Structures are given as C-alpha cells and as structure tokens.
Amino acid sequence: MSELNTLIERTLSEDTKEQIGKVQPDHINQLFEDIQSINRMTEVMMYVLHHYPHVFELAYKEALKNDNR
C-alpha cells in the first residue's frame, strides 16, 4: 500500500488526489435495498392474493385504472 501511496503522491494532481479521497455514493447497497423492498412488496401482494382474492382483484383493478405509463 505504501508503494501505491507514493505513486499517487508523485503522479496525480492535487484535484485528482482530492477526488480519490472523497467517499463516493454506494449504489450497490442502494440497489440491494431496493431489491429487498420489491421482494417484500411481492410477498405482501402474494399473501393478499391467496388469503383475500377479492380484495386483491379490487386493488389490482384500481391500480390499472391509475396507471398512466
């Protein structure tokens, strides 16, 4: 690691060194959190579908009416 630090110190500009030192956003963790949320919502929908099919049908029809994609 010392060699890398020496190489960075000798070759990079001050601006570039600052960019390397800044903490960048962690998009991978956010992606995994989003996927977990989607999975959770899917499980809820499946539960409602199996235990309360009439409620699911009504909710699904309303969602389709409000879908403006």
PDB file of N, CA and C in Angstrom:
ATOM      1  N   MET A   1       0.824  -1.186   0.000  1.00  0.00           N
ATOM      2  CA  MET A   1       0.000   0.000   0.000  1.00  0.00           C
ATOM      3  C   MET A   1       0.865   1.245   0.000  1.00  0.00           C
ATOM      4  N   SER A   2       2.014   1.137   0.587  1.00  0.00           N
ATOM      5  CA  SER A   2       2.926   2.278   0.641  1.00  0.00           C
ATOM      6  C   SER A   2       3.389   2.685  -0.752  1.00  0.00           C
ATOM      7  N   GLU A   3       3.635   1.686  -1.612  1.00  0.00           N
ATOM      8  CA  GLU A   3       4.058   1.977  -2.984  1.00  0.00           C
ATOM      9  C   GLU A   3       2.958   2.688  -3.748  1.00  0.00           C
ATOM     10  N   LEU A   4       1.731   2.281  -3.528  1.00  0.00           N
ATOM     11  CA  LEU A   4       0.604   2.927  -4.182  1.00  0.00           C
ATOM     12  C   LEU A   4       0.479   4.378  -3.729  1.00  0.00           C
ATOM     13  N   ASN A   5       0.603   4.606  -2.448  1.00  0.00           N
ATOM     14  CA  ASN A   5       0.538   5.977  -1.932  1.00  0.00           C
ATOM     15  C   ASN A   5       1.647   6.842  -2.515  1.00  0.00           C
ATOM     16  N   THR A   6       2.842   6.280  -2.635  1.00  0.00           N
ATOM     17  CA  THR A   6       3.962   7.012  -3.220  1.00  0.00           C
ATOM     18  C   THR A   6       3.694   7.334  -4.682  1.00  0.00           C
ATOM     19  N   LEU A   7       3.178   6.370  -5.434  1.00  0.00           N
ATOM     20  CA  LEU A   7       2.848   6.590  -6.837  1.00  0.00           C
ATOM     21  C   LEU A   7       1.775   7.676  -6.984  1.00  0.00           C
ATOM     22  N   ILE A   8       0.752   7.605  -6.167  1.00  0.00           N
ATOM     23  CA  ILE A   8      -0.305   8.633  -6.205  1.00  0.00           C
ATOM     24  C   ILE A   8       0.285   9.997  -5.906  1.00  0.00           C
ATOM     25  N   GLU A   9       1.099  10.068  -4.900  1.00  0.00           N
ATOM     26  CA  GLU A   9       1.680  11.352  -4.483  1.00  0.00           C
ATOM     27  C   GLU A   9       2.543  11.966  -5.579  1.00  0.00           C
ATOM     28  N   ARG A  10       3.283  11.141  -6.293  1.00  0.00           N
ATOM     29  CA  ARG A  10       4.199  11.642  -7.322  1.00  0.00           C
ATOM     30  C   ARG A  10       3.504  12.007  -8.629  1.00  0.00           C
ATOM     31  N   THR A  11       2.435  11.300  -8.984  1.00  0.00           N
ATOM     32  CA  THR A  11       1.916  11.432 -10.348  1.00  0.00           C
ATOM     33  C   THR A  11       0.606  12.201 -10.483  1.00  0.00           C
ATOM     34  N   LEU A  12      -0.197  12.261  -9.448  1.00  0.00           N
ATOM     35  CA  LEU A  12      -1.520  12.866  -9.602  1.00  0.00           C
ATOM     36  C   LEU A  12      -1.557  14.317  -9.150  1.00  0.00           C
ATOM     37  N   SER A  13      -2.448  15.078  -9.782  1.00  0.00           N
ATOM     38  CA  SER A  13      -2.624  16.471  -9.386  1.00  0.00           C
ATOM     39  C   SER A  13      -3.345  16.527  -8.042  1.00  0.00           C
ATOM     40  N   GLU A  14      -3.331  17.688  -7.416  1.00  0.00           N
ATOM     41  CA  GLU A  14      -3.996  17.859  -6.123  1.00  0.00           C
ATOM     42  C   GLU A  14      -5.502  17.627  -6.243  1.00  0.00           C
ATOM     43  N   ASP A  15      -6.113  18.119  -7.325  1.00  0.00           N
ATOM     44  CA  ASP A  15      -7.552  17.913  -7.524  1.00  0.00           C
ATOM     45  C   ASP A  15      -7.895  16.433  -7.623  1.00  0.00           C
ATOM     46  N   THR A  16      -7.083  15.705  -8.368  1.00  0.00           N
ATOM     47  CA  THR A  16      -7.323  14.273  -8.532  1.00  0.00           C
ATOM     48  C   THR A  16      -7.146  13.542  -7.215  1.00  0.00           C
ATOM     49  N   LYS A  17      -6.144  13.911  -6.449  1.00  0.00           N
ATOM     50  CA  LYS A  17      -5.935  13.295  -5.135  1.00  0.00           C
ATOM     51  C   LYS A  17      -7.150  13.528  -4.239  1.00  0.00           C
ATOM     52  N   GLU A  18      -7.724  14.724  -4.307  1.00  0.00           N
ATOM     53  CA  GLU A  18      -8.912  15.019  -3.501  1.00  0.00           C
ATOM     54  C   GLU A  18     -10.090  14.161  -3.944  1.00  0.00           C
ATOM     55  N   GLN A  19     -10.238  13.972  -5.256  1.00  0.00           N
ATOM     56  CA  GLN A  19     -11.338  13.147  -5.772  1.00  0.00           C
ATOM     57  C   GLN A  19     -11.212  11.699  -5.296  1.00  0.00           C
ATOM     58  N   ILE A  20     -10.004  11.192  -5.275  1.00  0.00           N
ATOM     59  CA  ILE A  20      -9.781   9.812  -4.827  1.00  0.00           C
ATOM     60  C   ILE A  20     -10.147   9.682  -3.355  1.00  0.00           C
ATOM     61  N   GLY A  21      -9.853  10.686  -2.578  1.00  0.00           N
ATOM     62  CA  GLY A  21     -10.101  10.629  -1.137  1.00  0.00           C
ATOM     63  C   GLY A  21     -11.554  10.815  -0.751  1.00  0.00           C
ATOM     64  N   LYS A  22     -12.375  11.337  -1.631  1.00  0.00           N
ATOM     65  CA  LYS A  22     -13.783  11.573  -1.302  1.00  0.00           C
ATOM     66  C   LYS A  22     -14.554  10.267  -1.305  1.00  0.00           C
ATOM     67  N   VAL A  23     -15.476  10.163  -0.366  1.00  0.00           N
ATOM     68  CA  VAL A  23     -16.334   8.987  -0.305  1.00  0.00           C
ATOM     69  C   VAL A  23     -17.385   9.113  -1.398  1.00  0.00           C
ATOM     70  N   GLN A  24     -17.476   8.092  -2.222  1.00  0.00           N
ATOM     71  CA  GLN A  24     -18.433   8.078  -3.322  1.00  0.00           C
ATOM     72  C   GLN A  24     -19.710   7.371  -2.866  1.00  0.00           C
ATOM     73  N   PRO A  25     -20.838   7.687  -3.485  1.00  0.00           N
ATOM     74  CA  PRO A  25     -22.076   7.006  -3.091  1.00  0.00           C
ATOM     75  C   PRO A  25     -22.003   5.509  -3.386  1.00  0.00           C
ATOM     76  N   ASP A  26     -22.628   4.745  -2.531  1.00  0.00           N
ATOM     77  CA  ASP A  26     -22.602   3.297  -2.679  1.00  0.00           C
ATOM     78  C   ASP A  26     -23.886   2.846  -3.357  1.00  0.00           C
ATOM     79  N   HIS A  27     -23.874   2.801  -4.675  1.00  0.00           N
ATOM     80  CA  HIS A  27     -25.067   2.459  -5.433  1.00  0.00           C
ATOM     81  C   HIS A  27     -25.424   0.981  -5.318  1.00  0.00           C
ATOM     82  N   ILE A  28     -24.449   0.150  -5.074  1.00  0.00           N
ATOM     83  CA  ILE A  28     -24.717  -1.286  -4.980  1.00  0.00           C
ATOM     84  C   ILE A  28     -25.573  -1.580  -3.750  1.00  0.00           C
ATOM     85  N   ASN A  29     -25.235  -0.968  -2.614  1.00  0.00           N
ATOM     86  CA  ASN A  29     -26.046  -1.183  -1.413  1.00  0.00           C
ATOM     87  C   ASN A  29     -27.457  -0.670  -1.624  1.00  0.00           C
ATOM     88  N   GLN A  30     -27.600   0.469  -2.272  1.00  0.00           N
ATOM     89  CA  GLN A  30     -28.929   1.017  -2.546  1.00  0.00           C
ATOM     90  C   GLN A  30     -29.717   0.079  -3.451  1.00  0.00           C
ATOM     91  N   LEU A  31     -29.048  -0.494  -4.445  1.00  0.00           N
ATOM     92  CA  LEU A  31     -29.705  -1.454  -5.339  1.00  0.00           C
ATOM     93  C   LEU A  31     -30.223  -2.648  -4.555  1.00  0.00           C
ATOM     94  N   PHE A  32     -29.400  -3.207  -3.656  1.00  0.00           N
ATOM     95  CA  PHE A  32     -29.830  -4.348  -2.862  1.00  0.00           C
ATOM     96  C   PHE A  32     -30.995  -3.992  -1.945  1.00  0.00           C
ATOM     97  N   GLU A  33     -30.984  -2.795  -1.378  1.00  0.00           N
ATOM     98  CA  GLU A  33     -32.102  -2.357  -0.540  1.00  0.00           C
ATOM     99  C   GLU A  33     -33.377  -2.244  -1.365  1.00  0.00           C
ATOM    100  N   ASP A  34     -33.251  -1.711  -2.590  1.00  0.00           N
ATOM    101  CA  ASP A  34     -34.411  -1.595  -3.472  1.00  0.00           C
ATOM    102  C   ASP A  34     -34.958  -2.975  -3.843  1.00  0.00           C
ATOM    103  N   ILE A  35     -34.071  -3.904  -4.134  1.00  0.00           N
ATOM    104  CA  ILE A  35     -34.496  -5.265  -4.491  1.00  0.00           C
ATOM    105  C   ILE A  35     -35.196  -5.923  -3.302  1.00  0.00           C
ATOM    106  N   GLN A  36     -34.666  -5.726  -2.094  1.00  0.00           N
ATOM    107  CA  GLN A  36     -35.305  -6.292  -0.907  1.00  0.00           C
ATOM    108  C   GLN A  36     -36.699  -5.690  -0.715  1.00  0.00           C
ATOM    109  N   SER A  37     -36.838  -4.407  -0.965  1.00  0.00           N
ATOM    110  CA  SER A  37     -38.148  -3.768  -0.840  1.00  0.00           C
ATOM    111  C   SER A  37     -39.129  -4.324  -1.858  1.00  0.00           C
ATOM    112  N   ILE A  38     -38.673  -4.511  -3.089  1.00  0.00           N
ATOM    113  CA  ILE A  38     -39.532  -5.082  -4.133  1.00  0.00           C
ATOM    114  C   ILE A  38     -39.948  -6.498  -3.746  1.00  0.00           C
ATOM    115  N   ASN A  39     -39.016  -7.281  -3.240  1.00  0.00           N
ATOM    116  CA  ASN A  39     -39.338  -8.646  -2.817  1.00  0.00           C
ATOM    117  C   ASN A  39     -40.372  -8.639  -1.690  1.00  0.00           C
ATOM    118  N   ARG A  40     -40.217  -7.710  -0.755  1.00  0.00           N
ATOM    119  CA  ARG A  40     -41.158  -7.600   0.357  1.00  0.00           C
ATOM    120  C   ARG A  40     -42.551  -7.241  -0.152  1.00  0.00           C
ATOM    121  N   MET A  41     -42.636  -6.290  -1.077  1.00  0.00           N
ATOM    122  CA  MET A  41     -43.924  -5.901  -1.648  1.00  0.00           C
ATOM    123  C   MET A  41     -44.562  -7.074  -2.400  1.00  0.00           C
ATOM    124  N   THR A  42     -43.752  -7.852  -3.094  1.00  0.00           N
ATOM    125  CA  THR A  42     -44.253  -9.015  -3.818  1.00  0.00           C
ATOM    126  C   THR A  42     -44.826 -10.041  -2.848  1.00  0.00           C
ATOM    127  N   GLU A  43     -44.142 -10.265  -1.743  1.00  0.00           N
ATOM    128  CA  GLU A  43     -44.641 -11.208  -0.744  1.00  0.00           C
ATOM    129  C   GLU A  43     -45.976 -10.738  -0.174  1.00  0.00           C
ATOM    130  N   VAL A  44     -46.110  -9.446   0.079  1.00  0.00           N
ATOM    131  CA  VAL A  44     -47.373  -8.906   0.586  1.00  0.00           C
ATOM    132  C   VAL A  44     -48.482  -9.114  -0.438  1.00  0.00           C
ATOM    133  N   MET A  45     -48.197  -8.806  -1.701  1.00  0.00           N
ATOM    134  CA  MET A  45     -49.212  -8.985  -2.746  1.00  0.00           C
ATOM    135  C   MET A  45     -49.621 -10.452  -2.859  1.00  0.00           C
ATOM    136  N   MET A  46     -48.668 -11.365  -2.782  1.00  0.00           N
ATOM    137  CA  MET A  46     -48.988 -12.793  -2.878  1.00  0.00           C
ATOM    138  C   MET A  46     -49.832 -13.236  -1.674  1.00  0.00           C
ATOM    139  N   TYR A  47     -49.533 -12.720  -0.506  1.00  0.00           N
ATOM    140  CA  TYR A  47     -50.322 -13.057   0.682  1.00  0.00           C
ATOM    141  C   TYR A  47     -51.766 -12.603   0.505  1.00  0.00           C
ATOM    142  N   VAL A  48     -51.938 -11.353   0.071  1.00  0.00           N
ATOM    143  CA  VAL A  48     -53.287 -10.833  -0.137  1.00  0.00           C
ATOM    144  C   VAL A  48     -54.001 -11.637  -1.223  1.00  0.00           C
ATOM    145  N   LEU A  49     -53.315 -11.950  -2.292  1.00  0.00           N
ATOM    146  CA  LEU A  49     -53.911 -12.732  -3.373  1.00  0.00           C
ATOM    147  C   LEU A  49     -54.420 -14.082  -2.874  1.00  0.00           C
ATOM    148  N   HIS A  50     -53.630 -14.762  -2.061  1.00  0.00           N
ATOM    149  CA  HIS A  50     -54.013 -16.094  -1.599  1.00  0.00           C
ATOM    150  C   HIS A  50     -55.058 -16.070  -0.491  1.00  0.00           C
ATOM    151  N   HIS A  51     -55.009 -15.061   0.389  1.00  0.00           N
ATOM    152  CA  HIS A  51     -55.911 -15.037   1.534  1.00  0.00           C
ATOM    153  C   HIS A  51     -57.148 -14.160   1.328  1.00  0.00           C
ATOM    154  N   TYR A  52     -57.034 -13.160   0.469  1.00  0.00           N
ATOM    155  CA  TYR A  52     -58.144 -12.241   0.221  1.00  0.00           C
ATOM    156  C   TYR A  52     -58.225 -11.938  -1.275  1.00  0.00           C
ATOM    157  N   PRO A  53     -58.550 -12.936  -2.092  1.00  0.00           N
ATOM    158  CA  PRO A  53     -58.518 -12.752  -3.543  1.00  0.00           C
ATOM    159  C   PRO A  53     -59.422 -11.628  -4.037  1.00  0.00           C
ATOM    160  N   HIS A  54     -60.579 -11.443  -3.390  1.00  0.00           N
ATOM    161  CA  HIS A  54     -61.490 -10.384  -3.820  1.00  0.00           C
ATOM    162  C   HIS A  54     -60.850  -9.002  -3.600  1.00  0.00           C
ATOM    163  N   VAL A  55     -60.228  -8.823  -2.457  1.00  0.00           N
ATOM    164  CA  VAL A  55     -59.547  -7.550  -2.162  1.00  0.00           C
ATOM    165  C   VAL A  55     -58.412  -7.325  -3.157  1.00  0.00           C
ATOM    166  N   PHE A  56     -57.685  -8.398  -3.458  1.00  0.00           N
ATOM    167  CA  PHE A  56     -56.588  -8.279  -4.415  1.00  0.00           C
ATOM    168  C   PHE A  56     -57.106  -7.833  -5.778  1.00  0.00           C
ATOM    169  N   GLU A  57     -58.188  -8.460  -6.238  1.00  0.00           N
ATOM    170  CA  GLU A  57     -58.754  -8.109  -7.549  1.00  0.00           C
ATOM    171  C   GLU A  57     -59.188  -6.645  -7.591  1.00  0.00           C
ATOM    172  N   LEU A  58     -59.865  -6.195  -6.538  1.00  0.00           N
ATOM    173  CA  LEU A  58     -60.297  -4.787  -6.492  1.00  0.00           C
ATOM    174  C   LEU A  58     -59.090  -3.846  -6.520  1.00  0.00           C
ATOM    175  N   ALA A  59     -58.090  -4.148  -5.715  1.00  0.00           N
ATOM    176  CA  ALA A  59     -56.894  -3.297  -5.650  1.00  0.00           C
ATOM    177  C   ALA A  59     -56.156  -3.297  -6.981  1.00  0.00           C
ATOM    178  N   TYR A  60     -56.066  -4.465  -7.602  1.00  0.00           N
ATOM    179  CA  TYR A  60     -55.353  -4.571  -8.879  1.00  0.00           C
ATOM    180  C   TYR A  60     -56.059  -3.780  -9.969  1.00  0.00           C
ATOM    181  N   LYS A  61     -57.383  -3.875 -10.004  1.00  0.00           N
ATOM    182  CA  LYS A  61     -58.144  -3.116 -10.997  1.00  0.00           C
ATOM    183  C   LYS A  61     -57.972  -1.616 -10.796  1.00  0.00           C
ATOM    184  N   GLU A  62     -57.980  -1.165  -9.536  1.00  0.00           N
ATOM    185  CA  GLU A  62     -57.774   0.256  -9.256  1.00  0.00           C
ATOM    186  C   GLU A  62     -56.379   0.703  -9.682  1.00  0.00           C
ATOM    187  N   ALA A  63     -55.388  -0.154  -9.422  1.00  0.00           N
ATOM    188  CA  ALA A  63     -54.018   0.184  -9.824  1.00  0.00           C
ATOM    189  C   ALA A  63     -53.911   0.313 -11.335  1.00  0.00           C
ATOM    190  N   LEU A  64     -54.592  -0.569 -12.070  1.00  0.00           N
ATOM    191  CA  LEU A  64     -54.561  -0.493 -13.522  1.00  0.00           C
ATOM    192  C   LEU A  64     -55.244   0.774 -14.034  1.00  0.00           C
ATOM    193  N   LYS A  65     -56.319   1.181 -13.364  1.00  0.00           N
ATOM    194  CA  LYS A  65     -57.002   2.416 -13.765  1.00  0.00           C
ATOM    195  C   LYS A  65     -56.112   3.641 -13.571  1.00  0.00           C
ATOM    196  N   ASN A  66     -55.319   3.612 -12.523  1.00  0.00           N
ATOM    197  CA  ASN A  66     -54.475   4.762 -12.190  1.00  0.00           C
ATOM    198  C   ASN A  66     -53.099   4.716 -12.827  1.00  0.00           C
ATOM    199  N   ASP A  67     -52.841   3.668 -13.593  1.00  0.00           N
ATOM    200  CA  ASP A  67     -51.532   3.522 -14.239  1.00  0.00           C
ATOM    201  C   ASP A  67     -51.478   4.386 -15.482  1.00  0.00           C
ATOM    202  N   ASN A  68     -50.656   5.402 -15.470  1.00  0.00           N
ATOM    203  CA  ASN A  68     -50.582   6.327 -16.614  1.00  0.00           C
ATOM    204  C   ASN A  68     -49.269   6.194 -17.380  1.00  0.00           C
ATOM    205  N   ARG A  69     -48.694   5.000 -17.403  1.00  0.00           N
ATOM    206  CA  ARG A  69     -47.459   4.790 -18.161  1.00  0.00           C
ATOM    207  C   ARG A  69     -47.754   4.590 -19.609  1.00  0.00           C
TER     208      ARG A  69
END
